Every structure is written in structure tokens, then in C-alpha cells.
Amino acid sequence: MGLADKAKNAAQDVAGKIKEAVGQGTDDEHLRNEGRADQVKSDFKKAGENIKDAFKD
């Protein structure tokens, strides 16, 4: 994966953490869950990147 893709994934993870924190602070369950979902998506993308990188070498 390219550097741009890795940066997008990192940004998605950070955005998810922010959404989760705001949702927790405002007691908004929907926003909290949306933030968690963004983080999970980012984690799966990172895992996919690691697998691709492993097969590259």
C-alpha cells in the first residue's frame, strides 16, 4: 500500500477516536458506535496492508 493509503487509514482511526470520545462526552450512543466502527474499519485496512507488505518482500 502506498503512503497515501496509510495516511488515510491513520486519519480514519483518529477520526473514529474523536467521534467515540465526543459520543461518550455527549452521551450519544450512535456517535460512539460510529466512532468504534471507524476504528475497526481502519484496523482491518491496516491488517490488510501488513499482509500485502509481507507478501511483497
C-alpha atoms as a PDB file:
ATOM      1  CA  MET A   1       0.000   0.000   0.000  1.00  0.00           C
ATOM      2  CA  GLY A   2       1.112   3.467  -0.657  1.00  0.00           C
ATOM      3  CA  LEU A   3       1.928   6.105   1.850  1.00  0.00           C
ATOM      4  CA  ALA A   4      -1.248   7.999   0.965  1.00  0.00           C
ATOM      5  CA  ASP A   5      -3.395   4.962   1.802  1.00  0.00           C
ATOM      6  CA  LYS A   6      -1.644   4.524   5.125  1.00  0.00           C
ATOM      7  CA  ALA A   7      -2.219   8.197   5.930  1.00  0.00           C
ATOM      8  CA  LYS A   8      -5.926   7.873   5.075  1.00  0.00           C
ATOM      9  CA  ASN A   9      -6.229   4.859   7.351  1.00  0.00           C
ATOM     10  CA  ALA A  10      -4.488   6.687  10.183  1.00  0.00           C
ATOM     11  CA  ALA A  11      -6.802   9.669   9.685  1.00  0.00           C
ATOM     12  CA  GLN A  12      -9.836   7.363   9.767  1.00  0.00           C
ATOM     13  CA  ASP A  13      -8.597   5.858  13.024  1.00  0.00           C
ATOM     14  CA  VAL A  14      -8.095   9.277  14.611  1.00  0.00           C
ATOM     15  CA  ALA A  15     -11.490  10.469  13.393  1.00  0.00           C
ATOM     16  CA  GLY A  16     -13.057   7.355  14.894  1.00  0.00           C
ATOM     17  CA  LYS A  17     -11.406   8.006  18.235  1.00  0.00           C
ATOM     18  CA  ILE A  18     -12.648  11.593  18.195  1.00  0.00           C
ATOM     19  CA  LYS A  19     -16.197  10.507  17.314  1.00  0.00           C
ATOM     20  CA  GLU A  20     -16.142   7.936  20.083  1.00  0.00           C
ATOM     21  CA  ALA A  21     -14.910  10.485  22.628  1.00  0.00           C
ATOM     22  CA  VAL A  22     -17.472  13.097  21.586  1.00  0.00           C
ATOM     23  CA  GLY A  23     -20.214  10.480  21.676  1.00  0.00           C
ATOM     24  CA  GLN A  24     -19.151   9.423  25.130  1.00  0.00           C
ATOM     25  CA  GLY A  25     -18.986  13.016  26.334  1.00  0.00           C
ATOM     26  CA  THR A  26     -22.417  13.887  24.970  1.00  0.00           C
ATOM     27  CA  ASP A  27     -23.938  10.513  25.855  1.00  0.00           C
ATOM     28  CA  ASP A  28     -24.689   9.914  22.154  1.00  0.00           C
ATOM     29  CA  GLU A  29     -24.628   6.139  21.718  1.00  0.00           C
ATOM     30  CA  HIS A  30     -24.976   6.355  17.925  1.00  0.00           C
ATOM     31  CA  LEU A  31     -21.939   8.630  17.543  1.00  0.00           C
ATOM     32  CA  ARG A  32     -19.925   6.494  19.965  1.00  0.00           C
ATOM     33  CA  ASN A  33     -20.705   3.350  17.963  1.00  0.00           C
ATOM     34  CA  GLU A  34     -19.939   5.095  14.692  1.00  0.00           C
ATOM     35  CA  GLY A  35     -16.525   6.056  16.058  1.00  0.00           C
ATOM     36  CA  ARG A  36     -15.839   2.492  17.134  1.00  0.00           C
ATOM     37  CA  ALA A  37     -16.879   1.233  13.685  1.00  0.00           C
ATOM     38  CA  ASP A  38     -14.482   3.673  12.008  1.00  0.00           C
ATOM     39  CA  GLN A  39     -11.670   2.385  14.200  1.00  0.00           C
ATOM     40  CA  VAL A  40     -12.468  -1.236  13.382  1.00  0.00           C
ATOM     41  CA  LYS A  41     -12.516  -0.471   9.649  1.00  0.00           C
ATOM     42  CA  SER A  42      -9.156   1.222   9.991  1.00  0.00           C
ATOM     43  CA  ASP A  43      -7.750  -1.768  11.895  1.00  0.00           C
ATOM     44  CA  PHE A  44      -8.884  -4.157   9.145  1.00  0.00           C
ATOM     45  CA  LYS A  45      -7.314  -1.953   6.479  1.00  0.00           C
ATOM     46  CA  LYS A  46      -4.059  -1.849   8.442  1.00  0.00           C
ATOM     47  CA  ALA A  47      -4.085  -5.638   8.751  1.00  0.00           C
ATOM     48  CA  GLY A  48      -4.617  -5.919   5.007  1.00  0.00           C
ATOM     49  CA  GLU A  49      -1.702  -3.580   4.398  1.00  0.00           C
ATOM     50  CA  ASN A  50       0.534  -5.669   6.636  1.00  0.00           C
ATOM     51  CA  ILE A  51      -0.401  -8.846   4.779  1.00  0.00           C
ATOM     52  CA  LYS A  52       0.274  -7.212   1.399  1.00  0.00           C
ATOM     53  CA  ASP A  53       3.591  -5.852   2.659  1.00  0.00           C
ATOM     54  CA  ALA A  54       4.581  -9.306   3.928  1.00  0.00           C
ATOM     55  CA  PHE A  55       3.999 -10.872   0.526  1.00  0.00           C
ATOM     56  CA  LYS A  56       5.842  -8.039  -1.236  1.00  0.00           C
ATOM     57  CA  ASP A  57       9.116  -8.891   0.443  1.00  0.00           C
END
